[in-house]
N, C-alpha and C. Protein backbone atom coordinates (compact mmCIF):
# COMPACT_ATOMS: atom_id res chain seq x y z
N UNK A 1 113.53 119.81 111.14
CA UNK A 1 112.34 119.20 110.54
C UNK A 1 112.41 119.18 109.01
N UNK A 2 113.36 119.96 108.42
CA UNK A 2 113.44 120.03 106.96
C UNK A 2 113.71 118.65 106.37
N UNK A 3 114.63 117.91 107.03
CA UNK A 3 114.98 116.58 106.50
C UNK A 3 113.77 115.66 106.51
N UNK A 4 112.97 115.74 107.58
CA UNK A 4 111.79 114.88 107.67
C UNK A 4 110.78 115.22 106.59
N UNK A 5 110.56 116.52 106.37
CA UNK A 5 109.62 116.93 105.34
C UNK A 5 110.08 116.47 103.96
N UNK A 6 111.39 116.55 103.71
CA UNK A 6 111.91 116.12 102.41
C UNK A 6 111.71 114.63 102.23
N UNK A 7 112.04 113.85 103.28
CA UNK A 7 111.89 112.40 103.19
C UNK A 7 110.43 112.02 103.01
N UNK A 8 109.54 112.67 103.79
CA UNK A 8 108.13 112.34 103.71
C UNK A 8 107.58 112.62 102.31
N UNK A 9 107.89 113.78 101.76
CA UNK A 9 107.35 114.13 100.45
C UNK A 9 107.84 113.18 99.38
N UNK A 10 109.05 112.66 99.55
CA UNK A 10 109.58 111.75 98.55
C UNK A 10 108.99 110.36 98.63
N UNK A 11 108.33 110.03 99.73
CA UNK A 11 107.72 108.72 99.85
C UNK A 11 106.20 108.77 99.69
N UNK A 12 105.64 109.95 99.38
CA UNK A 12 104.21 110.05 99.18
C UNK A 12 103.83 109.52 97.80
N UNK A 13 104.11 108.26 97.60
CA UNK A 13 103.86 107.61 96.32
C UNK A 13 103.20 106.28 96.57
N UNK A 14 102.39 105.82 95.62
CA UNK A 14 101.84 104.48 95.70
C UNK A 14 102.89 103.50 95.22
N UNK A 15 102.89 102.31 95.84
CA UNK A 15 103.88 101.29 95.50
C UNK A 15 103.18 100.00 95.15
N UNK A 16 103.56 99.40 94.03
CA UNK A 16 103.07 98.05 93.72
C UNK A 16 103.77 97.11 94.68
N UNK A 17 103.00 96.47 95.55
CA UNK A 17 103.59 95.77 96.67
C UNK A 17 104.02 94.35 96.33
N UNK A 18 104.86 94.19 95.27
CA UNK A 18 105.48 92.90 95.10
C UNK A 18 106.64 92.78 96.06
N UNK A 19 107.23 91.59 96.13
CA UNK A 19 108.27 91.35 97.13
C UNK A 19 109.45 92.30 96.96
N UNK A 20 109.83 92.57 95.73
CA UNK A 20 110.99 93.42 95.49
C UNK A 20 110.72 94.85 95.93
N UNK A 21 109.54 95.39 95.58
CA UNK A 21 109.25 96.78 95.94
C UNK A 21 109.05 96.93 97.44
N UNK A 22 108.46 95.94 98.10
CA UNK A 22 108.32 96.00 99.56
C UNK A 22 109.69 96.02 100.22
N UNK A 23 110.59 95.21 99.71
CA UNK A 23 111.94 95.18 100.26
C UNK A 23 112.65 96.51 100.06
N UNK A 24 112.50 97.10 98.88
CA UNK A 24 113.12 98.39 98.59
C UNK A 24 112.53 99.49 99.47
N UNK A 25 111.20 99.45 99.66
CA UNK A 25 110.55 100.45 100.50
C UNK A 25 111.01 100.32 101.95
N UNK A 26 111.09 99.10 102.43
CA UNK A 26 111.59 98.89 103.80
C UNK A 26 112.98 99.51 103.98
N UNK A 27 113.85 99.23 103.03
CA UNK A 27 115.22 99.74 103.11
C UNK A 27 115.24 101.26 103.17
N UNK A 28 114.45 101.91 102.32
CA UNK A 28 114.42 103.37 102.27
C UNK A 28 113.85 103.97 103.55
N UNK A 29 112.76 103.40 104.05
CA UNK A 29 112.13 103.94 105.25
C UNK A 29 112.98 103.69 106.49
N UNK A 30 113.63 102.55 106.56
CA UNK A 30 114.52 102.29 107.70
C UNK A 30 115.69 103.28 107.69
N UNK A 31 116.21 103.56 106.51
CA UNK A 31 117.29 104.53 106.41
C UNK A 31 116.81 105.91 106.84
N UNK A 32 115.59 106.27 106.46
CA UNK A 32 115.05 107.58 106.81
C UNK A 32 114.95 107.75 108.32
N UNK A 33 114.44 106.75 109.02
CA UNK A 33 114.28 106.90 110.47
C UNK A 33 115.63 106.84 111.19
N UNK A 34 116.59 106.07 110.64
CA UNK A 34 117.93 106.02 111.24
C UNK A 34 118.63 107.37 111.16
N UNK A 35 118.31 108.13 110.12
CA UNK A 35 118.98 109.41 109.90
C UNK A 35 118.43 110.54 110.76
N UNK A 36 117.36 110.30 111.49
CA UNK A 36 116.82 111.34 112.36
C UNK A 36 117.83 111.66 113.46
N UNK A 37 118.13 112.93 113.71
CA UNK A 37 119.07 113.30 114.78
C UNK A 37 118.56 112.82 116.14
N UNK A 38 119.48 112.58 117.06
CA UNK A 38 119.11 112.11 118.40
C UNK A 38 118.17 113.09 119.08
N UNK A 39 118.39 114.40 118.86
CA UNK A 39 117.51 115.39 119.48
C UNK A 39 116.09 115.26 118.94
N UNK A 40 115.95 114.95 117.66
CA UNK A 40 114.63 114.78 117.08
C UNK A 40 113.98 113.49 117.54
N UNK A 41 114.80 112.44 117.72
CA UNK A 41 114.28 111.19 118.28
C UNK A 41 113.72 111.41 119.68
N UNK A 42 114.45 112.16 120.49
CA UNK A 42 114.00 112.43 121.86
C UNK A 42 112.71 113.26 121.85
N UNK A 43 112.63 114.25 120.97
CA UNK A 43 111.42 115.06 120.87
C UNK A 43 110.24 114.23 120.40
N UNK A 44 110.49 113.32 119.46
CA UNK A 44 109.42 112.44 118.96
C UNK A 44 108.89 111.54 120.08
N UNK A 45 109.79 111.00 120.90
CA UNK A 45 109.37 110.15 122.02
C UNK A 45 108.53 110.94 123.01
N UNK A 46 108.90 112.19 123.26
CA UNK A 46 108.14 113.03 124.18
C UNK A 46 106.76 113.35 123.60
N UNK A 47 106.70 113.66 122.31
CA UNK A 47 105.43 113.95 121.68
C UNK A 47 104.52 112.73 121.68
N UNK A 48 105.11 111.55 121.45
CA UNK A 48 104.35 110.31 121.51
C UNK A 48 103.75 110.11 122.90
N UNK A 49 104.54 110.38 123.92
CA UNK A 49 104.06 110.28 125.30
C UNK A 49 102.87 111.22 125.53
N UNK A 50 102.97 112.46 125.11
CA UNK A 50 101.89 113.41 125.32
C UNK A 50 100.63 113.03 124.54
N UNK A 51 100.81 112.40 123.38
CA UNK A 51 99.66 112.02 122.55
C UNK A 51 98.87 110.85 123.14
N UNK A 52 99.55 109.99 123.91
CA UNK A 52 98.92 108.74 124.35
C UNK A 52 98.66 108.68 125.85
N UNK A 53 99.53 109.27 126.66
CA UNK A 53 99.49 109.03 128.11
C UNK A 53 98.18 109.45 128.76
N UNK A 54 97.52 110.47 128.23
CA UNK A 54 96.27 110.93 128.82
C UNK A 54 95.03 110.28 128.25
N UNK A 55 95.18 109.42 127.26
CA UNK A 55 94.04 108.79 126.61
C UNK A 55 93.40 107.75 127.52
N UNK A 56 92.07 107.70 127.52
CA UNK A 56 91.35 106.79 128.40
C UNK A 56 91.70 105.34 128.12
N UNK A 57 91.85 104.97 126.84
CA UNK A 57 92.15 103.58 126.52
C UNK A 57 93.48 103.16 127.12
N UNK A 58 94.41 104.08 127.22
CA UNK A 58 95.72 103.77 127.80
C UNK A 58 95.64 103.72 129.32
N UNK A 59 94.96 104.66 129.92
CA UNK A 59 94.90 104.73 131.38
C UNK A 59 94.10 103.58 131.98
N UNK A 60 93.11 103.06 131.24
CA UNK A 60 92.26 101.98 131.76
C UNK A 60 92.85 100.59 131.53
N UNK A 61 93.82 100.46 130.65
CA UNK A 61 94.38 99.15 130.31
C UNK A 61 95.14 98.56 131.50
N UNK A 62 94.99 97.26 131.69
CA UNK A 62 95.69 96.59 132.78
C UNK A 62 96.96 95.88 132.31
N UNK A 63 96.93 95.38 131.07
CA UNK A 63 98.07 94.61 130.54
C UNK A 63 98.44 95.20 129.18
N UNK A 64 99.64 95.78 129.11
CA UNK A 64 100.06 96.53 127.93
C UNK A 64 101.40 95.98 127.42
N UNK A 65 101.45 95.69 126.14
CA UNK A 65 102.70 95.25 125.52
C UNK A 65 103.41 96.45 124.88
N UNK A 66 104.69 96.57 125.17
CA UNK A 66 105.53 97.60 124.58
C UNK A 66 106.59 96.91 123.72
N UNK A 67 107.56 97.66 123.25
CA UNK A 67 108.72 97.09 122.57
C UNK A 67 109.93 97.94 122.92
N UNK A 68 111.10 97.38 122.76
CA UNK A 68 112.34 98.10 122.98
C UNK A 68 112.81 98.66 121.65
N UNK A 69 112.84 99.97 121.54
CA UNK A 69 113.13 100.62 120.25
C UNK A 69 114.55 100.31 119.79
N UNK A 70 114.68 100.06 118.50
CA UNK A 70 115.99 99.86 117.88
C UNK A 70 115.90 100.30 116.42
N UNK A 71 117.04 100.44 115.77
CA UNK A 71 117.08 100.73 114.34
C UNK A 71 116.33 102.01 113.98
N UNK A 72 116.32 103.00 114.89
CA UNK A 72 115.66 104.27 114.62
C UNK A 72 114.17 104.30 114.91
N UNK A 73 113.60 103.21 115.47
CA UNK A 73 112.17 103.18 115.79
C UNK A 73 111.82 104.26 116.81
N UNK A 74 110.62 104.78 116.74
CA UNK A 74 110.17 105.72 117.74
C UNK A 74 110.09 105.00 119.09
N UNK A 75 110.51 105.68 120.14
CA UNK A 75 110.76 105.05 121.44
C UNK A 75 109.56 105.22 122.38
N UNK A 76 108.93 104.11 122.81
CA UNK A 76 107.79 104.20 123.74
C UNK A 76 108.18 104.08 125.21
N UNK A 77 109.47 104.25 125.54
CA UNK A 77 109.90 103.98 126.92
C UNK A 77 109.30 104.94 127.94
N UNK A 78 108.98 106.17 127.55
CA UNK A 78 108.33 107.09 128.49
C UNK A 78 106.93 106.59 128.85
N UNK A 79 106.23 106.02 127.89
CA UNK A 79 104.91 105.44 128.15
C UNK A 79 105.04 104.21 129.04
N UNK A 80 106.06 103.40 128.79
CA UNK A 80 106.27 102.21 129.62
C UNK A 80 106.51 102.61 131.08
N UNK A 81 107.36 103.61 131.28
CA UNK A 81 107.65 104.07 132.64
C UNK A 81 106.40 104.61 133.32
N UNK A 82 105.57 105.34 132.58
CA UNK A 82 104.34 105.89 133.15
C UNK A 82 103.38 104.78 133.53
N UNK A 83 103.25 103.78 132.68
CA UNK A 83 102.35 102.66 132.97
C UNK A 83 102.83 101.89 134.19
N UNK A 84 104.12 101.66 134.26
CA UNK A 84 104.66 100.93 135.41
C UNK A 84 104.45 101.71 136.71
N UNK A 85 104.63 103.03 136.65
CA UNK A 85 104.43 103.86 137.85
C UNK A 85 102.99 103.83 138.32
N UNK A 86 102.02 103.62 137.41
CA UNK A 86 100.61 103.55 137.79
C UNK A 86 100.19 102.15 138.21
N UNK A 87 101.09 101.20 138.16
CA UNK A 87 100.76 99.84 138.57
C UNK A 87 100.19 98.98 137.46
N UNK A 88 100.21 99.48 136.23
CA UNK A 88 99.77 98.66 135.11
C UNK A 88 100.84 97.60 134.82
N UNK A 89 100.43 96.45 134.31
CA UNK A 89 101.37 95.39 133.99
C UNK A 89 101.93 95.62 132.60
N UNK A 90 103.24 95.70 132.49
CA UNK A 90 103.92 95.97 131.23
C UNK A 90 104.59 94.69 130.72
N UNK A 91 104.52 94.48 129.42
CA UNK A 91 105.07 93.27 128.81
C UNK A 91 105.94 93.64 127.62
N UNK A 92 106.91 92.75 127.34
CA UNK A 92 107.74 92.89 126.15
C UNK A 92 107.65 91.60 125.34
N UNK A 93 107.81 91.71 124.01
CA UNK A 93 107.74 90.50 123.18
C UNK A 93 108.96 89.61 123.38
N UNK A 94 108.70 88.32 123.26
CA UNK A 94 109.72 87.29 123.42
C UNK A 94 109.48 86.25 122.33
N UNK A 95 110.50 85.90 121.57
CA UNK A 95 110.33 84.88 120.55
C UNK A 95 109.96 83.56 121.23
N UNK A 96 108.90 82.95 120.75
CA UNK A 96 108.38 81.72 121.35
C UNK A 96 109.47 80.66 121.39
N UNK A 97 109.73 80.05 122.56
CA UNK A 97 110.82 79.07 122.65
C UNK A 97 110.59 77.80 121.85
N UNK A 98 109.32 77.45 121.56
CA UNK A 98 109.02 76.22 120.83
C UNK A 98 108.42 76.47 119.45
N UNK A 99 107.94 77.67 119.20
CA UNK A 99 107.39 78.05 117.89
C UNK A 99 108.09 79.34 117.46
N UNK A 100 109.29 79.23 116.90
CA UNK A 100 110.14 80.41 116.67
C UNK A 100 109.63 81.38 115.61
N UNK A 101 108.47 81.10 115.02
CA UNK A 101 107.87 82.07 114.09
C UNK A 101 106.82 82.93 114.77
N UNK A 102 106.66 82.77 116.09
CA UNK A 102 105.66 83.53 116.85
C UNK A 102 106.29 84.12 118.10
N UNK A 103 105.51 84.98 118.76
CA UNK A 103 105.98 85.62 119.97
C UNK A 103 105.03 85.34 121.14
N UNK A 104 105.60 85.35 122.31
CA UNK A 104 104.85 85.45 123.55
C UNK A 104 105.20 86.81 124.17
N UNK A 105 104.55 87.13 125.27
CA UNK A 105 104.85 88.39 125.95
C UNK A 105 105.20 88.09 127.40
N UNK A 106 106.23 88.77 127.88
CA UNK A 106 106.76 88.49 129.21
C UNK A 106 106.69 89.74 130.06
N UNK A 107 106.18 89.59 131.28
CA UNK A 107 106.07 90.72 132.21
C UNK A 107 107.44 91.35 132.42
N UNK A 108 107.48 92.66 132.32
CA UNK A 108 108.76 93.37 132.41
C UNK A 108 108.67 94.48 133.45
N UNK A 109 109.74 94.58 134.24
CA UNK A 109 109.92 95.70 135.17
C UNK A 109 111.29 96.30 134.91
N UNK A 110 111.38 97.61 135.12
CA UNK A 110 112.65 98.28 134.87
C UNK A 110 113.78 97.55 135.59
N UNK A 111 114.85 97.28 134.88
CA UNK A 111 116.01 96.61 135.47
C UNK A 111 116.05 95.12 135.25
N UNK A 112 114.97 94.52 134.71
CA UNK A 112 114.97 93.08 134.43
C UNK A 112 116.05 92.74 133.39
N UNK A 113 116.55 91.53 133.47
CA UNK A 113 117.59 91.07 132.57
C UNK A 113 117.08 91.01 131.14
N UNK A 114 117.90 91.51 130.22
CA UNK A 114 117.60 91.47 128.79
C UNK A 114 118.70 90.69 128.07
N UNK A 115 118.30 89.95 127.05
CA UNK A 115 119.23 89.17 126.24
C UNK A 115 118.97 89.46 124.76
N UNK A 116 119.99 89.31 123.93
CA UNK A 116 119.80 89.47 122.49
C UNK A 116 119.27 88.17 121.89
N UNK A 117 118.24 88.28 121.03
CA UNK A 117 117.77 87.07 120.36
C UNK A 117 118.51 86.90 119.03
N UNK A 118 118.13 85.92 118.26
CA UNK A 118 118.91 85.55 117.07
C UNK A 118 118.94 86.63 116.01
N UNK A 119 118.01 87.58 116.06
CA UNK A 119 118.01 88.68 115.09
C UNK A 119 118.79 89.89 115.61
N UNK A 120 119.38 89.75 116.82
CA UNK A 120 120.24 90.80 117.34
C UNK A 120 119.55 91.85 118.18
N UNK A 121 118.23 91.73 118.39
CA UNK A 121 117.52 92.71 119.19
C UNK A 121 117.33 92.19 120.62
N UNK A 122 117.06 93.10 121.53
CA UNK A 122 116.94 92.74 122.94
C UNK A 122 115.55 92.21 123.25
N UNK A 123 115.50 91.24 124.13
CA UNK A 123 114.23 90.74 124.66
C UNK A 123 114.47 90.30 126.10
N UNK A 124 113.39 90.23 126.91
CA UNK A 124 113.56 89.82 128.30
C UNK A 124 113.97 88.36 128.40
N UNK A 125 114.73 88.05 129.45
CA UNK A 125 115.12 86.66 129.70
C UNK A 125 113.89 85.87 130.14
N UNK A 126 113.76 84.66 129.63
CA UNK A 126 112.61 83.81 129.92
C UNK A 126 112.54 83.49 131.41
N UNK A 127 111.34 83.70 131.99
CA UNK A 127 111.11 83.39 133.41
C UNK A 127 109.79 82.67 133.55
N UNK A 128 109.76 81.65 134.35
CA UNK A 128 108.52 80.93 134.59
C UNK A 128 107.52 81.84 135.32
N UNK A 129 106.28 81.71 134.95
CA UNK A 129 105.22 82.46 135.63
C UNK A 129 105.04 83.88 135.14
N UNK A 130 105.91 84.34 134.21
CA UNK A 130 105.81 85.72 133.75
C UNK A 130 105.27 85.83 132.34
N UNK A 131 105.04 84.70 131.68
CA UNK A 131 104.60 84.71 130.29
C UNK A 131 103.10 84.99 130.16
N UNK A 132 102.74 85.65 129.09
CA UNK A 132 101.34 85.96 128.82
C UNK A 132 101.08 85.74 127.33
N UNK A 133 99.96 85.09 127.01
CA UNK A 133 99.59 84.93 125.61
C UNK A 133 99.05 86.25 125.08
N UNK A 134 99.25 86.48 123.80
CA UNK A 134 98.81 87.74 123.17
C UNK A 134 97.32 88.00 123.38
N UNK A 135 96.50 86.94 123.47
CA UNK A 135 95.06 87.13 123.63
C UNK A 135 94.70 87.84 124.94
N UNK A 136 95.58 87.74 125.94
CA UNK A 136 95.27 88.30 127.26
C UNK A 136 95.66 89.77 127.41
N UNK A 137 96.28 90.34 126.39
CA UNK A 137 96.66 91.75 126.46
C UNK A 137 95.45 92.65 126.25
N UNK A 138 95.51 93.84 126.82
CA UNK A 138 94.51 94.87 126.54
C UNK A 138 94.95 95.76 125.38
N UNK A 139 96.24 96.10 125.36
CA UNK A 139 96.82 96.93 124.31
C UNK A 139 98.16 96.32 123.91
N UNK A 140 98.46 96.35 122.62
CA UNK A 140 99.82 96.05 122.15
C UNK A 140 100.30 97.22 121.30
N UNK A 141 101.38 97.84 121.73
CA UNK A 141 102.02 98.87 120.92
C UNK A 141 102.97 98.15 119.96
N UNK A 142 102.81 98.42 118.68
CA UNK A 142 103.46 97.62 117.63
C UNK A 142 104.44 98.50 116.85
N UNK A 143 105.70 98.10 116.74
CA UNK A 143 106.63 98.84 115.89
C UNK A 143 106.33 98.59 114.43
N UNK A 144 106.79 99.48 113.57
CA UNK A 144 106.55 99.30 112.14
C UNK A 144 107.63 100.01 111.34
N UNK A 145 107.72 99.65 110.07
CA UNK A 145 108.66 100.28 109.15
C UNK A 145 107.97 101.36 108.34
N UNK A 146 106.73 101.08 107.90
CA UNK A 146 105.97 102.05 107.13
C UNK A 146 104.49 101.92 107.41
N UNK A 147 103.73 102.96 107.09
CA UNK A 147 102.28 102.92 107.30
C UNK A 147 101.62 103.92 106.37
N UNK A 148 100.30 103.77 106.22
CA UNK A 148 99.53 104.79 105.51
C UNK A 148 98.41 105.29 106.42
N UNK A 149 97.68 106.29 105.96
CA UNK A 149 96.67 106.93 106.81
C UNK A 149 95.46 106.04 107.06
N UNK A 150 95.34 104.92 106.32
CA UNK A 150 94.27 103.95 106.57
C UNK A 150 94.69 102.90 107.60
N UNK A 151 95.87 103.09 108.20
CA UNK A 151 96.40 102.22 109.25
C UNK A 151 96.86 100.85 108.74
N UNK A 152 97.22 100.78 107.48
CA UNK A 152 97.94 99.60 106.99
C UNK A 152 99.38 99.71 107.47
N UNK A 153 99.97 98.58 107.79
CA UNK A 153 101.30 98.55 108.39
C UNK A 153 102.26 97.73 107.53
N UNK A 154 103.45 98.26 107.34
CA UNK A 154 104.55 97.52 106.73
C UNK A 154 105.55 97.20 107.82
N UNK A 155 105.75 95.92 108.09
CA UNK A 155 106.68 95.51 109.13
C UNK A 155 108.05 95.20 108.58
N UNK A 156 108.85 94.51 109.38
CA UNK A 156 110.22 94.19 109.00
C UNK A 156 110.29 93.06 107.98
N UNK A 157 109.18 92.36 107.77
CA UNK A 157 109.16 91.31 106.77
C UNK A 157 109.26 89.91 107.32
N UNK A 158 109.46 89.77 108.63
CA UNK A 158 109.56 88.44 109.23
C UNK A 158 108.21 87.90 109.69
N UNK A 159 107.21 88.76 109.81
CA UNK A 159 105.84 88.32 110.08
C UNK A 159 105.52 87.95 111.51
N UNK A 160 106.38 88.31 112.46
CA UNK A 160 106.14 87.92 113.85
C UNK A 160 104.82 88.46 114.38
N UNK A 161 104.58 89.76 114.20
CA UNK A 161 103.37 90.36 114.75
C UNK A 161 102.13 89.87 114.01
N UNK A 162 102.22 89.71 112.70
CA UNK A 162 101.07 89.23 111.94
C UNK A 162 100.68 87.82 112.35
N UNK A 163 101.65 86.94 112.52
CA UNK A 163 101.32 85.57 112.95
C UNK A 163 100.84 85.55 114.39
N UNK A 164 101.48 86.34 115.26
CA UNK A 164 101.12 86.33 116.68
C UNK A 164 99.70 86.81 116.91
N UNK A 165 99.26 87.81 116.13
CA UNK A 165 97.92 88.38 116.32
C UNK A 165 96.94 87.93 115.23
N UNK A 166 97.26 86.87 114.51
CA UNK A 166 96.37 86.40 113.45
C UNK A 166 95.03 85.93 113.99
N UNK A 167 94.95 85.57 115.27
CA UNK A 167 93.68 85.14 115.85
C UNK A 167 92.64 86.25 115.79
N UNK A 168 93.07 87.51 115.77
CA UNK A 168 92.10 88.61 115.68
C UNK A 168 91.36 88.57 114.36
N UNK A 169 92.07 88.30 113.28
CA UNK A 169 91.45 88.23 111.96
C UNK A 169 90.54 87.02 111.84
N UNK A 170 91.00 85.88 112.32
CA UNK A 170 90.22 84.65 112.20
C UNK A 170 88.93 84.72 113.01
N UNK A 171 89.02 85.25 114.21
CA UNK A 171 87.87 85.23 115.12
C UNK A 171 87.07 86.53 115.10
N UNK A 172 87.54 87.52 114.34
CA UNK A 172 86.85 88.80 114.31
C UNK A 172 86.92 89.54 115.64
N UNK A 173 87.97 89.27 116.41
CA UNK A 173 88.13 89.91 117.72
C UNK A 173 88.59 91.35 117.56
N UNK A 174 88.26 92.17 118.56
CA UNK A 174 88.75 93.54 118.59
C UNK A 174 89.72 93.74 119.75
N UNK A 175 90.11 92.65 120.38
CA UNK A 175 91.01 92.71 121.52
C UNK A 175 92.18 91.76 121.27
N UNK A 176 93.39 92.15 121.63
CA UNK A 176 93.76 93.45 122.20
C UNK A 176 93.73 94.56 121.15
N UNK A 177 93.72 95.80 121.63
CA UNK A 177 93.81 96.94 120.73
C UNK A 177 95.24 97.01 120.20
N UNK A 178 95.39 97.05 118.88
CA UNK A 178 96.71 97.11 118.25
C UNK A 178 96.98 98.54 117.80
N UNK A 179 98.04 99.12 118.33
CA UNK A 179 98.37 100.51 118.04
C UNK A 179 99.79 100.57 117.50
N UNK A 180 99.92 100.91 116.22
CA UNK A 180 101.23 101.07 115.62
C UNK A 180 101.84 102.41 116.02
N UNK A 181 103.14 102.41 116.24
CA UNK A 181 103.86 103.63 116.61
C UNK A 181 104.94 103.91 115.57
N UNK A 182 105.09 105.18 115.18
CA UNK A 182 106.02 105.49 114.10
C UNK A 182 106.39 106.96 114.09
N UNK A 183 107.47 107.26 113.42
CA UNK A 183 107.77 108.64 113.03
C UNK A 183 106.91 109.01 111.83
N UNK A 184 106.56 110.27 111.74
CA UNK A 184 105.73 110.70 110.60
C UNK A 184 106.45 110.47 109.27
N UNK A 185 107.77 110.50 109.26
CA UNK A 185 108.50 110.29 108.01
C UNK A 185 108.36 108.87 107.49
N UNK A 186 107.74 107.97 108.26
CA UNK A 186 107.51 106.60 107.81
C UNK A 186 106.16 106.44 107.09
N UNK A 187 105.41 107.52 106.98
CA UNK A 187 104.10 107.44 106.31
C UNK A 187 104.27 107.51 104.81
N UNK A 188 103.55 106.65 104.10
CA UNK A 188 103.54 106.65 102.63
C UNK A 188 102.10 106.88 102.17
N UNK A 189 101.93 107.11 100.89
CA UNK A 189 100.61 107.43 100.37
C UNK A 189 99.64 106.26 100.54
N UNK A 190 100.08 105.06 100.17
CA UNK A 190 99.21 103.89 100.33
C UNK A 190 100.04 102.62 100.36
N UNK A 191 99.53 101.64 101.06
CA UNK A 191 100.13 100.30 101.13
C UNK A 191 99.07 99.29 100.72
N UNK A 192 99.48 98.32 99.95
CA UNK A 192 98.57 97.25 99.57
C UNK A 192 98.63 96.14 100.61
N UNK A 193 97.52 95.88 101.27
CA UNK A 193 97.49 94.84 102.30
C UNK A 193 97.67 93.46 101.68
N UNK A 194 98.45 92.64 102.36
CA UNK A 194 98.57 91.24 102.00
C UNK A 194 97.54 90.44 102.81
N UNK A 195 97.26 89.22 102.38
CA UNK A 195 96.22 88.41 103.03
C UNK A 195 96.53 88.18 104.50
N UNK A 196 97.80 88.13 104.84
CA UNK A 196 98.20 87.81 106.22
C UNK A 196 98.38 89.05 107.11
N UNK A 197 98.28 90.24 106.53
CA UNK A 197 98.50 91.46 107.31
C UNK A 197 97.38 91.67 108.34
N UNK A 198 97.76 91.97 109.55
CA UNK A 198 96.80 92.27 110.61
C UNK A 198 96.63 93.79 110.69
N UNK A 199 95.40 94.24 110.62
CA UNK A 199 95.09 95.67 110.60
C UNK A 199 95.32 96.29 111.98
N UNK A 200 95.91 97.48 111.99
CA UNK A 200 96.05 98.24 113.22
C UNK A 200 94.75 98.97 113.55
N UNK A 201 94.45 99.13 114.84
CA UNK A 201 93.29 99.91 115.26
C UNK A 201 93.57 101.40 115.22
N UNK A 202 94.81 101.75 115.48
CA UNK A 202 95.28 103.13 115.39
C UNK A 202 96.75 103.08 114.99
N UNK A 203 97.21 104.19 114.43
CA UNK A 203 98.65 104.42 114.32
C UNK A 203 98.91 105.82 114.84
N UNK A 204 99.85 105.91 115.75
CA UNK A 204 100.19 107.20 116.35
C UNK A 204 101.63 107.53 115.95
N UNK A 205 101.79 108.70 115.33
CA UNK A 205 103.13 109.18 115.00
C UNK A 205 103.45 110.36 115.90
N UNK A 206 104.62 110.92 115.70
CA UNK A 206 104.99 112.11 116.48
C UNK A 206 104.23 113.35 116.02
N UNK A 207 103.47 113.24 114.93
CA UNK A 207 102.69 114.38 114.43
C UNK A 207 101.20 114.20 114.55
N UNK A 208 100.70 112.98 114.43
CA UNK A 208 99.26 112.80 114.30
C UNK A 208 98.85 111.39 114.73
N UNK A 209 97.52 111.22 114.93
CA UNK A 209 96.91 109.92 115.19
C UNK A 209 96.02 109.57 114.02
N UNK A 210 96.18 108.34 113.53
CA UNK A 210 95.41 107.87 112.37
C UNK A 210 94.53 106.70 112.78
N UNK A 211 93.32 106.66 112.23
CA UNK A 211 92.40 105.55 112.45
C UNK A 211 91.81 105.13 111.11
N UNK A 212 91.55 103.82 110.93
CA UNK A 212 91.00 103.36 109.65
C UNK A 212 89.59 103.88 109.42
């Protein structure tokens, strides 16, 4: 845990969120999470499971979006397996086939075919009848690069999640519930929200749960 504490303390700074500083912060935080030992990654995934699996909002949800962890992201696969075992419908993001700046969500079951998309990450193979629009989800677990305790989120910079869930901001909707997942070492003192940023309802790390 010493490495995590050192990394966290070094990022407890405010950042002027121009394009250059956001890019630099992303690079530093991605490097920090990649450097976490595999044993610590596994422990973080287990702690994440214990923090969320018993929560009423999770147990009552019928349609839940997850993600496939990569690049050192905290892994929600234990939660996905638990949801599937209870009969909840689990979904993974899929780059929209006709609007490549947005995502759809596709019903996923363990063992379904996965393919790499143009950014090199895995996504489910497109199947008719399995697609779901983001509006129909109850919960979406959202990966992130950085966050603050007010639940502002710094993503990878491509804007997929912000564009996909922009309807929440426009319509003042509170559904689906957006929950960012992260390692605690990805927390910074403060992030300046951009006009297009979609606010998270919660952020859950391996150490704590944050709400705005």
